[in-house]
């Protein structure tokens, strides 16, 4: 079954995409799982570098990405640019604060020592 991308403002079909069969879906899920297992072992420093790179790319290419959002979602171009900028700021925020957010937290229990650990 084909999936069409349609401009909601004009009804124009922008592009048509083929859907994946079950084998292709399984292949991609397997690749995603392998990528996750590798990524979860990366350091916070490495993750921060990646998020900063994503933020930079979003800022550099914001007009290109905004054009796609405008065509596919019918948003005003300025609103699309603002959405991209918000995403870039979010990447920067988590690049700067993610490690702190995931620090172990002490937990009050009857045990000698308890904590919550985020993984």
N, C-alpha and C. Protein backbone atom coordinates (compact mmCIF):
# COMPACT_ATOMS: atom_id res chain seq x y z
N UNK A 1 0.84 -1.18 0.00
CA UNK A 1 0.00 0.00 0.00
C UNK A 1 0.89 1.24 0.00
N UNK A 2 0.65 2.14 -0.90
CA UNK A 2 1.43 3.37 -0.99
C UNK A 2 0.93 4.39 0.03
N UNK A 3 1.85 5.22 0.49
CA UNK A 3 1.53 6.28 1.44
C UNK A 3 1.84 7.60 0.76
N UNK A 4 0.85 8.47 0.67
CA UNK A 4 1.01 9.74 -0.03
C UNK A 4 1.24 10.87 0.96
N UNK A 5 2.14 11.77 0.60
CA UNK A 5 2.34 13.02 1.32
C UNK A 5 1.60 14.09 0.54
N UNK A 6 0.61 14.71 1.19
CA UNK A 6 -0.27 15.66 0.50
C UNK A 6 -0.21 17.02 1.19
N UNK A 7 -0.07 18.06 0.39
CA UNK A 7 -0.11 19.43 0.91
C UNK A 7 -1.54 19.71 1.36
N UNK A 8 -1.76 19.95 2.66
CA UNK A 8 -3.13 20.14 3.13
C UNK A 8 -3.76 21.44 2.65
N UNK A 9 -2.95 22.40 2.26
CA UNK A 9 -3.49 23.69 1.79
C UNK A 9 -4.02 23.60 0.37
N UNK A 10 -3.38 22.75 -0.45
CA UNK A 10 -3.76 22.69 -1.87
C UNK A 10 -4.33 21.34 -2.30
N UNK A 11 -4.11 20.32 -1.48
CA UNK A 11 -4.53 18.97 -1.86
C UNK A 11 -3.58 18.29 -2.83
N UNK A 12 -2.51 18.97 -3.20
CA UNK A 12 -1.54 18.43 -4.16
C UNK A 12 -0.75 17.28 -3.53
N UNK A 13 -0.63 16.17 -4.28
CA UNK A 13 0.20 15.06 -3.84
C UNK A 13 1.65 15.45 -4.08
N UNK A 14 2.43 15.50 -3.00
CA UNK A 14 3.83 15.90 -3.10
C UNK A 14 4.73 14.73 -3.45
N UNK A 15 4.44 13.59 -2.85
CA UNK A 15 5.27 12.41 -3.08
C UNK A 15 4.52 11.19 -2.59
N UNK A 16 4.86 10.06 -3.17
CA UNK A 16 4.25 8.81 -2.73
C UNK A 16 5.36 7.87 -2.28
N UNK A 17 5.13 7.21 -1.17
CA UNK A 17 6.11 6.31 -0.59
C UNK A 17 5.54 4.90 -0.55
N UNK A 18 6.39 3.92 -0.81
CA UNK A 18 5.97 2.53 -0.68
C UNK A 18 6.00 2.13 0.79
N UNK A 19 5.05 1.33 1.20
CA UNK A 19 5.08 0.84 2.57
C UNK A 19 6.02 -0.36 2.64
N UNK A 20 6.44 -0.71 3.84
CA UNK A 20 7.35 -1.83 4.04
C UNK A 20 6.57 -3.11 4.26
N UNK A 21 7.12 -4.22 3.75
CA UNK A 21 6.52 -5.51 4.06
C UNK A 21 7.03 -5.97 5.43
N UNK A 22 6.49 -7.07 5.93
CA UNK A 22 6.85 -7.54 7.27
C UNK A 22 8.35 -7.81 7.41
N UNK A 23 8.97 -8.36 6.39
CA UNK A 23 10.41 -8.67 6.44
C UNK A 23 11.23 -7.39 6.57
N UNK A 24 10.87 -6.36 5.83
CA UNK A 24 11.60 -5.09 5.90
C UNK A 24 11.40 -4.43 7.26
N UNK A 25 10.22 -4.52 7.80
CA UNK A 25 9.96 -3.96 9.13
C UNK A 25 10.82 -4.67 10.17
N UNK A 26 10.86 -6.00 10.12
CA UNK A 26 11.68 -6.77 11.07
C UNK A 26 13.16 -6.41 10.93
N UNK A 27 13.63 -6.26 9.70
CA UNK A 27 15.02 -5.90 9.45
C UNK A 27 15.34 -4.54 10.08
N UNK A 28 14.47 -3.58 9.90
CA UNK A 28 14.70 -2.24 10.44
C UNK A 28 14.59 -2.21 11.96
N UNK A 29 13.67 -2.98 12.51
CA UNK A 29 13.57 -3.07 13.97
C UNK A 29 14.82 -3.70 14.56
N UNK A 30 15.35 -4.70 13.89
CA UNK A 30 16.58 -5.34 14.35
C UNK A 30 17.75 -4.35 14.33
N UNK A 31 17.85 -3.58 13.26
CA UNK A 31 18.91 -2.56 13.18
C UNK A 31 18.75 -1.52 14.28
N UNK A 32 17.52 -1.13 14.55
CA UNK A 32 17.26 -0.14 15.61
C UNK A 32 17.65 -0.69 16.98
N UNK A 33 17.35 -1.96 17.21
CA UNK A 33 17.71 -2.58 18.49
C UNK A 33 19.23 -2.63 18.66
N UNK A 34 19.94 -3.00 17.60
CA UNK A 34 21.41 -3.04 17.66
C UNK A 34 21.98 -1.65 17.90
N UNK A 35 21.41 -0.66 17.24
CA UNK A 35 21.87 0.72 17.44
C UNK A 35 21.63 1.17 18.88
N UNK A 36 20.47 0.80 19.42
CA UNK A 36 20.16 1.15 20.81
C UNK A 36 21.16 0.52 21.77
N UNK A 37 21.46 -0.78 21.58
CA UNK A 37 22.40 -1.46 22.47
C UNK A 37 23.77 -0.80 22.43
N UNK A 38 24.18 -0.35 21.25
CA UNK A 38 25.47 0.35 21.13
C UNK A 38 25.39 1.74 21.76
N UNK A 39 24.33 2.46 21.46
CA UNK A 39 24.20 3.84 21.94
C UNK A 39 24.11 3.91 23.46
N UNK A 40 23.46 2.95 24.08
CA UNK A 40 23.29 3.02 25.53
C UNK A 40 24.61 2.91 26.27
N UNK A 41 25.67 2.47 25.59
CA UNK A 41 27.00 2.39 26.20
C UNK A 41 27.84 3.63 25.93
N UNK A 42 27.30 4.60 25.19
CA UNK A 42 28.08 5.81 24.92
C UNK A 42 28.12 6.69 26.16
N UNK A 43 29.17 7.47 26.25
CA UNK A 43 29.31 8.38 27.40
C UNK A 43 28.39 9.59 27.24
N UNK A 44 28.14 10.26 28.35
CA UNK A 44 27.34 11.48 28.27
C UNK A 44 28.06 12.54 27.43
N UNK A 45 29.36 12.55 27.49
CA UNK A 45 30.11 13.50 26.67
C UNK A 45 29.87 13.24 25.19
N UNK A 46 29.92 11.98 24.79
CA UNK A 46 29.66 11.64 23.39
C UNK A 46 28.23 11.99 22.99
N UNK A 47 27.29 11.72 23.87
CA UNK A 47 25.90 12.04 23.59
C UNK A 47 25.71 13.55 23.46
N UNK A 48 26.38 14.28 24.31
CA UNK A 48 26.29 15.74 24.26
C UNK A 48 26.83 16.27 22.94
N UNK A 49 27.93 15.71 22.49
CA UNK A 49 28.50 16.13 21.20
C UNK A 49 27.51 15.85 20.07
N UNK A 50 26.88 14.69 20.10
CA UNK A 50 25.89 14.36 19.07
C UNK A 50 24.71 15.33 19.10
N UNK A 51 24.20 15.62 20.29
CA UNK A 51 23.06 16.54 20.39
C UNK A 51 23.44 17.95 19.93
N UNK A 52 24.64 18.38 20.25
CA UNK A 52 25.10 19.69 19.78
C UNK A 52 25.18 19.71 18.25
N UNK A 53 25.64 18.61 17.67
CA UNK A 53 25.73 18.53 16.20
C UNK A 53 24.34 18.56 15.57
N UNK A 54 23.38 17.88 16.19
CA UNK A 54 22.00 17.92 15.68
C UNK A 54 21.46 19.34 15.78
N UNK A 55 21.68 20.00 16.91
CA UNK A 55 21.21 21.38 17.08
C UNK A 55 21.81 22.28 16.01
N UNK A 56 23.09 22.14 15.78
CA UNK A 56 23.75 22.97 14.77
C UNK A 56 23.17 22.72 13.38
N UNK A 57 22.96 21.46 13.04
CA UNK A 57 22.37 21.12 11.75
C UNK A 57 20.97 21.71 11.62
N UNK A 58 20.17 21.60 12.67
CA UNK A 58 18.83 22.16 12.63
C UNK A 58 18.87 23.67 12.41
N UNK A 59 19.75 24.36 13.10
CA UNK A 59 19.86 25.81 12.91
C UNK A 59 20.33 26.15 11.49
N UNK A 60 21.32 25.42 11.00
CA UNK A 60 21.85 25.70 9.67
C UNK A 60 20.84 25.42 8.56
N UNK A 61 20.04 24.39 8.73
CA UNK A 61 19.11 23.96 7.68
C UNK A 61 17.66 24.29 8.01
N UNK A 62 17.44 25.21 8.93
CA UNK A 62 16.07 25.45 9.41
C UNK A 62 15.11 25.87 8.31
N UNK A 63 15.55 26.65 7.35
CA UNK A 63 14.64 27.07 6.29
C UNK A 63 14.26 25.90 5.38
N UNK A 64 15.21 25.03 5.12
CA UNK A 64 14.92 23.84 4.30
C UNK A 64 13.91 22.94 5.02
N UNK A 65 14.16 22.67 6.31
CA UNK A 65 13.24 21.83 7.08
C UNK A 65 11.88 22.51 7.24
N UNK A 66 11.89 23.82 7.43
CA UNK A 66 10.63 24.56 7.59
C UNK A 66 9.79 24.48 6.32
N UNK A 67 10.43 24.50 5.18
CA UNK A 67 9.70 24.38 3.92
C UNK A 67 8.98 23.04 3.83
N UNK A 68 9.64 21.99 4.27
CA UNK A 68 9.03 20.66 4.26
C UNK A 68 7.83 20.63 5.21
N UNK A 69 8.00 21.17 6.41
CA UNK A 69 6.90 21.21 7.38
C UNK A 69 5.73 21.99 6.80
N UNK A 70 6.02 23.13 6.19
CA UNK A 70 4.96 23.96 5.62
C UNK A 70 4.21 23.21 4.52
N UNK A 71 4.95 22.55 3.65
CA UNK A 71 4.31 21.80 2.56
C UNK A 71 3.48 20.63 3.07
N UNK A 72 4.03 19.89 4.03
CA UNK A 72 3.38 18.65 4.45
C UNK A 72 2.34 18.83 5.55
N UNK A 73 2.45 19.93 6.31
CA UNK A 73 1.52 20.11 7.44
C UNK A 73 0.63 21.34 7.30
N UNK A 74 0.97 22.19 6.34
CA UNK A 74 0.15 23.38 6.13
C UNK A 74 0.40 24.50 7.12
N UNK A 75 1.49 24.41 7.89
CA UNK A 75 1.81 25.48 8.83
C UNK A 75 2.32 26.69 8.07
N UNK A 76 2.16 27.85 8.68
CA UNK A 76 2.79 29.04 8.13
C UNK A 76 4.30 28.84 8.18
N UNK A 77 5.00 29.39 7.20
CA UNK A 77 6.45 29.20 7.12
C UNK A 77 7.13 29.68 8.40
N UNK A 78 6.74 30.86 8.90
CA UNK A 78 7.38 31.40 10.10
C UNK A 78 7.18 30.45 11.30
N UNK A 79 5.99 29.88 11.41
CA UNK A 79 5.72 28.93 12.50
C UNK A 79 6.58 27.68 12.34
N UNK A 80 6.81 27.27 11.12
CA UNK A 80 7.66 26.11 10.85
C UNK A 80 9.10 26.39 11.24
N UNK A 81 9.59 27.58 10.91
CA UNK A 81 10.95 27.97 11.31
C UNK A 81 11.06 27.96 12.84
N UNK A 82 10.07 28.52 13.50
CA UNK A 82 10.08 28.56 14.97
C UNK A 82 10.08 27.15 15.56
N UNK A 83 9.37 26.24 14.93
CA UNK A 83 9.35 24.85 15.41
C UNK A 83 10.74 24.23 15.31
N UNK A 84 11.41 24.45 14.21
CA UNK A 84 12.77 23.93 14.03
C UNK A 84 13.71 24.54 15.06
N UNK A 85 13.60 25.85 15.27
CA UNK A 85 14.45 26.52 16.26
C UNK A 85 14.19 25.97 17.66
N UNK A 86 12.93 25.71 17.98
CA UNK A 86 12.58 25.13 19.29
C UNK A 86 13.22 23.75 19.44
N UNK A 87 13.19 22.95 18.40
CA UNK A 87 13.81 21.63 18.45
C UNK A 87 15.32 21.74 18.65
N UNK A 88 15.94 22.68 17.97
CA UNK A 88 17.38 22.88 18.11
C UNK A 88 17.72 23.31 19.54
N UNK A 89 16.92 24.23 20.09
CA UNK A 89 17.15 24.65 21.48
C UNK A 89 16.96 23.48 22.44
N UNK A 90 15.99 22.62 22.16
CA UNK A 90 15.79 21.43 23.00
C UNK A 90 17.00 20.51 22.97
N UNK A 91 17.57 20.32 21.79
CA UNK A 91 18.78 19.49 21.68
C UNK A 91 19.91 20.10 22.50
N UNK A 92 20.09 21.40 22.40
CA UNK A 92 21.15 22.07 23.17
C UNK A 92 20.89 21.96 24.67
N UNK A 93 19.64 22.13 25.07
CA UNK A 93 19.30 22.04 26.49
C UNK A 93 19.69 20.67 27.05
N UNK A 94 19.32 19.61 26.34
CA UNK A 94 19.64 18.27 26.84
C UNK A 94 21.12 17.94 26.69
N UNK A 95 21.78 18.52 25.71
CA UNK A 95 23.24 18.35 25.61
C UNK A 95 23.91 18.93 26.85
N UNK A 96 23.39 20.04 27.34
CA UNK A 96 23.98 20.72 28.49
C UNK A 96 23.51 20.14 29.83
N UNK A 97 22.33 19.55 29.89
CA UNK A 97 21.74 19.16 31.17
C UNK A 97 21.42 17.68 31.32
N UNK A 98 21.52 16.92 30.24
CA UNK A 98 21.10 15.52 30.27
C UNK A 98 21.81 14.69 31.33
N UNK A 99 23.10 14.85 31.45
CA UNK A 99 23.84 14.05 32.42
C UNK A 99 23.34 14.32 33.84
N UNK A 100 23.10 15.57 34.15
CA UNK A 100 22.60 15.94 35.48
C UNK A 100 21.22 15.33 35.73
N UNK A 101 20.37 15.35 34.71
CA UNK A 101 19.02 14.79 34.86
C UNK A 101 19.04 13.29 35.13
N UNK A 102 20.06 12.61 34.66
CA UNK A 102 20.12 11.15 34.78
C UNK A 102 21.01 10.67 35.93
N UNK A 103 21.44 11.59 36.79
CA UNK A 103 22.25 11.19 37.94
C UNK A 103 21.41 10.32 38.88
N UNK A 104 22.09 9.42 39.58
CA UNK A 104 21.40 8.60 40.57
C UNK A 104 20.78 9.52 41.63
N UNK A 105 19.62 9.11 42.14
CA UNK A 105 18.94 9.88 43.18
C UNK A 105 18.79 9.00 44.42
N UNK A 106 19.14 9.55 45.56
CA UNK A 106 18.95 8.83 46.82
C UNK A 106 17.47 8.60 47.04
N UNK A 107 17.14 7.44 47.59
CA UNK A 107 15.75 7.10 47.89
C UNK A 107 15.64 6.70 49.36
N UNK A 108 14.61 7.16 50.01
CA UNK A 108 14.40 6.85 51.42
C UNK A 108 13.69 5.50 51.55
N UNK A 109 14.40 4.53 52.12
CA UNK A 109 13.82 3.21 52.37
C UNK A 109 14.37 2.69 53.70
N UNK A 110 13.98 1.50 54.08
CA UNK A 110 14.51 0.88 55.31
C UNK A 110 15.89 0.27 55.08
N UNK A 111 16.36 0.22 53.85
CA UNK A 111 17.67 -0.36 53.54
C UNK A 111 18.78 0.61 53.95
N UNK A 112 19.99 0.07 54.09
CA UNK A 112 21.14 0.90 54.46
C UNK A 112 21.41 1.96 53.40
N UNK A 113 21.22 1.57 52.16
CA UNK A 113 21.43 2.53 51.06
C UNK A 113 20.48 2.18 49.92
N UNK A 114 19.78 3.17 49.42
CA UNK A 114 18.87 2.97 48.30
C UNK A 114 18.97 4.15 47.36
N UNK A 115 18.79 3.88 46.09
CA UNK A 115 18.81 4.96 45.11
C UNK A 115 18.03 4.56 43.88
N UNK A 116 17.65 5.57 43.12
CA UNK A 116 17.00 5.37 41.84
C UNK A 116 18.05 5.62 40.77
N UNK A 117 18.17 4.70 39.84
CA UNK A 117 19.15 4.84 38.77
C UNK A 117 18.43 4.83 37.43
N UNK A 118 18.73 5.84 36.62
CA UNK A 118 18.14 5.94 35.28
C UNK A 118 19.10 5.34 34.28
N UNK A 119 18.58 4.53 33.36
CA UNK A 119 19.43 3.92 32.35
C UNK A 119 18.85 4.16 30.99
